[in-house]
Amino acid sequence: MPTPAPPPHAAYDRYMGRQRRWGVWWRRFGQIVFYVVAGVLTVAIAALLVASLIDLGQPRVWGTFTQMGCEDRPRAGCRPFGTWISDDGAIIEQHVYLNGWTDSTGRTRAGFQPTALLGDNVVNVPVLTGGMPVLLSIMLVWWTAVVLRRAASWGDIVLPRSRWLGGRGGPARRQGALGIRGSFRRQHRRALERGMIKDE
């Protein structure tokens, strides 16, 4: 007796099953790539933070920065560059960048760190001195939160209930039979307001 032919939709179901499996595989591959890039970026930010903390202890020489021009930034604005001369005139740096701003004459007081690990061609105005560790710390915390939220949304980790982290774990609030969350007193008050029950 000949074997009956499979129903017409069986081939379509097999095809859709393969498509779903491929979709799951590609999504997971993209997630793994994200984790690798996120790990490398996190290590890079942490290394810059450590280097900036080390630079805080490096000697700083004060002098005067004179702007010679402004280099266009990729997005908007420009970055001042010019010549920096120490107060005693012993150190002269040509074509250094300024973190900060100048006055109407194009000059400002700025500090230079000859032995700095980061920014050996950068001078900083007094108000921004030591600002790099703060900026990198904020960036590291923000990026870590982004990675944790993404991992939690993919179900790879469980975060505590927090608006900032976006976690969904932790004990859920009680929900009454009327579909109102909170304590029994709150449920009773809301039910009265909605007219679901009558106050006796």
Protein backbone atom coordinates (compact mmCIF):
# COMPACT_ATOMS: atom_id res chain seq x y z
CA MET A 1 0.00 0.00 0.00
CA PRO A 2 1.57 3.35 -1.00
CA THR A 3 2.59 5.76 1.73
CA PRO A 4 0.17 8.68 1.90
CA ALA A 5 1.62 12.01 0.88
CA PRO A 6 2.18 14.49 3.70
CA PRO A 7 -0.41 17.24 3.99
CA PRO A 8 0.36 20.36 1.94
CA HIS A 9 0.95 22.48 4.99
CA ALA A 10 3.61 20.16 6.44
CA ALA A 11 6.36 21.51 4.17
CA TYR A 12 5.37 25.06 5.05
CA ASP A 13 5.49 24.24 8.77
CA ARG A 14 8.98 22.77 8.38
CA TYR A 15 10.10 25.85 6.48
CA MET A 16 8.70 28.20 9.12
CA GLY A 17 10.35 26.12 11.84
CA ARG A 18 13.73 26.49 10.15
CA GLN A 19 13.17 30.23 9.76
CA ARG A 20 12.34 30.60 13.44
CA ARG A 21 15.43 28.64 14.46
CA TRP A 22 17.62 30.77 12.20
CA GLY A 23 16.02 33.91 13.62
CA VAL A 24 16.74 32.76 17.17
CA TRP A 25 20.33 31.87 16.24
CA TRP A 26 20.99 35.25 14.59
CA ARG A 27 19.47 37.14 17.52
CA ARG A 28 21.69 35.25 19.94
CA PHE A 29 24.71 35.86 17.74
CA GLY A 30 23.97 39.60 17.78
CA GLN A 31 23.62 39.53 21.56
CA ILE A 32 26.99 37.80 21.93
CA VAL A 33 28.62 40.40 19.66
CA PHE A 34 27.06 43.13 21.80
CA TYR A 35 28.48 41.57 24.97
CA VAL A 36 31.96 41.33 23.43
CA VAL A 37 31.92 44.97 22.28
CA ALA A 38 30.43 46.08 25.61
CA GLY A 39 33.16 44.23 27.51
CA VAL A 40 35.95 45.79 25.46
CA LEU A 41 34.43 49.27 25.82
CA THR A 42 33.95 48.83 29.57
CA VAL A 43 37.59 47.78 30.02
CA ALA A 44 38.73 50.76 27.90
CA ILE A 45 36.70 53.26 29.95
CA ALA A 46 37.94 51.70 33.20
CA ALA A 47 41.56 51.90 31.99
CA LEU A 48 41.14 55.56 31.07
CA LEU A 49 39.61 56.19 34.49
CA VAL A 50 42.59 54.59 36.24
CA ALA A 51 45.01 56.60 34.10
CA SER A 52 43.15 59.84 34.85
CA LEU A 53 43.28 59.09 38.58
CA ILE A 54 47.03 58.52 38.32
CA ASP A 55 47.35 61.85 36.48
CA LEU A 56 45.81 63.63 39.46
CA GLY A 57 49.06 63.05 41.34
CA GLN A 58 51.29 64.23 38.52
CA PRO A 59 52.93 67.67 38.87
CA ARG A 60 51.00 70.54 37.33
CA VAL A 61 52.61 73.69 35.95
CA TRP A 62 50.58 76.88 35.58
CA GLY A 63 50.90 79.33 32.76
CA THR A 64 49.04 81.29 30.09
CA PHE A 65 47.35 79.87 27.01
CA THR A 66 47.03 82.04 23.90
CA GLN A 67 44.59 80.85 21.28
CA MET A 68 45.90 80.65 17.71
CA GLY A 69 42.94 78.94 16.07
CA CYS A 70 40.00 76.60 16.53
CA GLU A 71 39.80 73.06 15.15
CA ASP A 72 36.39 71.96 13.91
CA ARG A 73 34.76 69.13 15.83
CA PRO A 74 33.04 66.25 14.00
CA ARG A 75 29.59 67.14 15.35
CA ALA A 76 29.47 70.81 16.22
CA GLY A 77 31.62 73.66 17.48
CA CYS A 78 35.39 73.74 17.53
CA ARG A 79 38.30 73.00 19.86
CA PRO A 80 40.68 75.87 20.67
CA PHE A 81 44.38 75.34 20.11
CA GLY A 82 47.35 77.61 20.54
CA THR A 83 50.53 78.27 22.52
CA TRP A 84 51.01 77.76 26.24
CA ILE A 85 53.84 79.43 28.20
CA SER A 86 54.57 78.67 31.86
CA ASP A 87 54.60 81.52 34.38
CA ASP A 88 58.42 81.42 34.65
CA GLY A 89 58.83 81.15 30.88
CA ALA A 90 60.81 77.92 31.18
CA ILE A 91 58.28 75.76 29.32
CA ILE A 92 56.72 76.65 25.98
CA GLU A 93 54.27 74.30 24.31
CA GLN A 94 53.25 74.87 20.70
CA HIS A 95 49.90 73.73 19.28
CA VAL A 96 48.33 72.47 22.48
CA TYR A 97 44.58 72.05 22.92
CA LEU A 98 42.57 73.85 25.57
CA ASN A 99 39.92 72.27 27.76
CA GLY A 100 37.91 75.33 28.62
CA TRP A 101 37.49 78.80 27.19
CA THR A 102 39.38 82.06 26.70
CA ASP A 103 38.51 85.67 27.40
CA SER A 104 37.88 88.36 24.79
CA THR A 105 41.62 88.61 24.10
CA GLY A 106 41.96 84.90 23.34
CA ARG A 107 44.01 84.22 26.44
CA THR A 108 43.37 82.33 29.68
CA ARG A 109 45.20 80.87 32.64
CA ALA A 110 45.68 77.11 32.28
CA GLY A 111 47.53 74.21 33.85
CA PHE A 112 49.81 71.77 32.02
CA GLN A 113 51.04 68.34 33.18
CA PRO A 114 54.25 67.40 31.35
CA THR A 115 54.30 63.82 32.72
CA ALA A 116 50.57 63.08 32.37
CA LEU A 117 49.55 59.72 30.93
CA LEU A 118 46.57 61.32 29.22
CA GLY A 119 46.50 64.62 27.41
CA ASP A 120 50.18 65.51 27.25
CA ASN A 121 49.23 68.07 24.59
CA VAL A 122 46.26 69.46 26.50
CA VAL A 123 46.00 72.29 29.03
CA ASN A 124 43.07 72.86 31.37
CA VAL A 125 41.50 75.99 32.78
CA PRO A 126 41.41 75.98 36.62
CA VAL A 127 37.71 75.13 36.92
CA LEU A 128 38.16 71.97 34.79
CA THR A 129 41.32 70.77 36.55
CA GLY A 130 40.71 67.19 37.69
CA GLY A 131 37.46 66.95 35.77
CA MET A 132 38.45 63.95 33.66
CA PRO A 133 38.04 61.33 36.45
CA VAL A 134 34.58 62.68 37.25
CA LEU A 135 33.52 62.57 33.60
CA LEU A 136 34.88 59.05 33.09
CA SER A 137 33.24 57.82 36.31
CA ILE A 138 29.85 59.10 35.17
CA MET A 139 30.38 57.53 31.76
CA LEU A 140 31.37 54.18 33.28
CA VAL A 141 28.33 54.08 35.58
CA TRP A 142 25.99 55.07 32.73
CA TRP A 143 27.43 52.48 30.33
CA THR A 144 27.28 49.74 32.97
CA ALA A 145 23.61 50.54 33.56
CA VAL A 146 22.93 50.39 29.80
CA VAL A 147 24.58 46.96 29.50
CA LEU A 148 22.76 45.58 32.56
CA ARG A 149 19.39 46.81 31.31
CA ARG A 150 19.98 45.26 27.91
CA ALA A 151 21.07 41.94 29.43
CA ALA A 152 17.98 41.95 31.67
CA SER A 153 15.70 42.65 28.70
CA TRP A 154 17.16 39.58 26.97
CA GLY A 155 16.60 37.45 30.07
CA ASP A 156 20.29 36.74 30.69
CA ILE A 157 20.26 38.30 34.17
CA VAL A 158 17.66 39.29 36.73
CA LEU A 159 17.86 42.78 38.17
CA PRO A 160 16.27 43.99 41.39
CA ARG A 161 13.13 46.06 41.04
CA SER A 162 14.42 49.54 40.22
CA ARG A 163 13.26 52.32 37.93
CA TRP A 164 16.87 53.30 37.24
CA LEU A 165 18.01 49.79 36.30
CA GLY A 166 14.70 48.77 34.82
CA GLY A 167 14.62 45.46 36.70
CA ARG A 168 11.49 43.41 37.05
CA GLY A 169 12.60 41.13 39.83
CA GLY A 170 11.84 41.39 43.49
CA PRO A 171 8.56 40.86 45.33
CA ALA A 172 5.51 41.99 43.44
CA ARG A 173 2.96 44.20 45.12
CA ARG A 174 -0.22 42.53 46.26
CA GLN A 175 -3.13 42.67 43.86
CA GLY A 176 -6.64 42.23 45.15
CA ALA A 177 -9.50 40.34 43.54
CA LEU A 178 -10.77 43.61 42.01
CA GLY A 179 -7.52 44.10 40.09
CA ILE A 180 -6.24 46.93 42.33
CA ARG A 181 -2.67 46.76 43.62
CA GLY A 182 -1.61 47.82 47.10
CA SER A 183 -2.71 47.26 50.66
CA PHE A 184 -6.21 46.09 51.60
CA ARG A 185 -7.14 49.61 52.77
CA ARG A 186 -6.03 51.12 49.47
CA GLN A 187 -7.91 48.47 47.51
CA HIS A 188 -11.06 49.18 49.53
CA ARG A 189 -10.77 52.98 49.03
CA ARG A 190 -10.18 52.68 45.28
CA ALA A 191 -13.07 50.25 44.96
CA LEU A 192 -15.35 52.76 46.69
CA GLU A 193 -14.17 55.52 44.36
CA ARG A 194 -14.86 53.37 41.30
CA GLY A 195 -18.25 52.31 42.58
CA MET A 196 -17.30 48.65 42.55
CA ILE A 197 -18.61 48.19 46.09
CA LYS A 198 -20.94 50.12 48.34
CA ASP A 199 -19.99 51.54 51.70
CA GLU A 200 -22.24 50.12 54.34
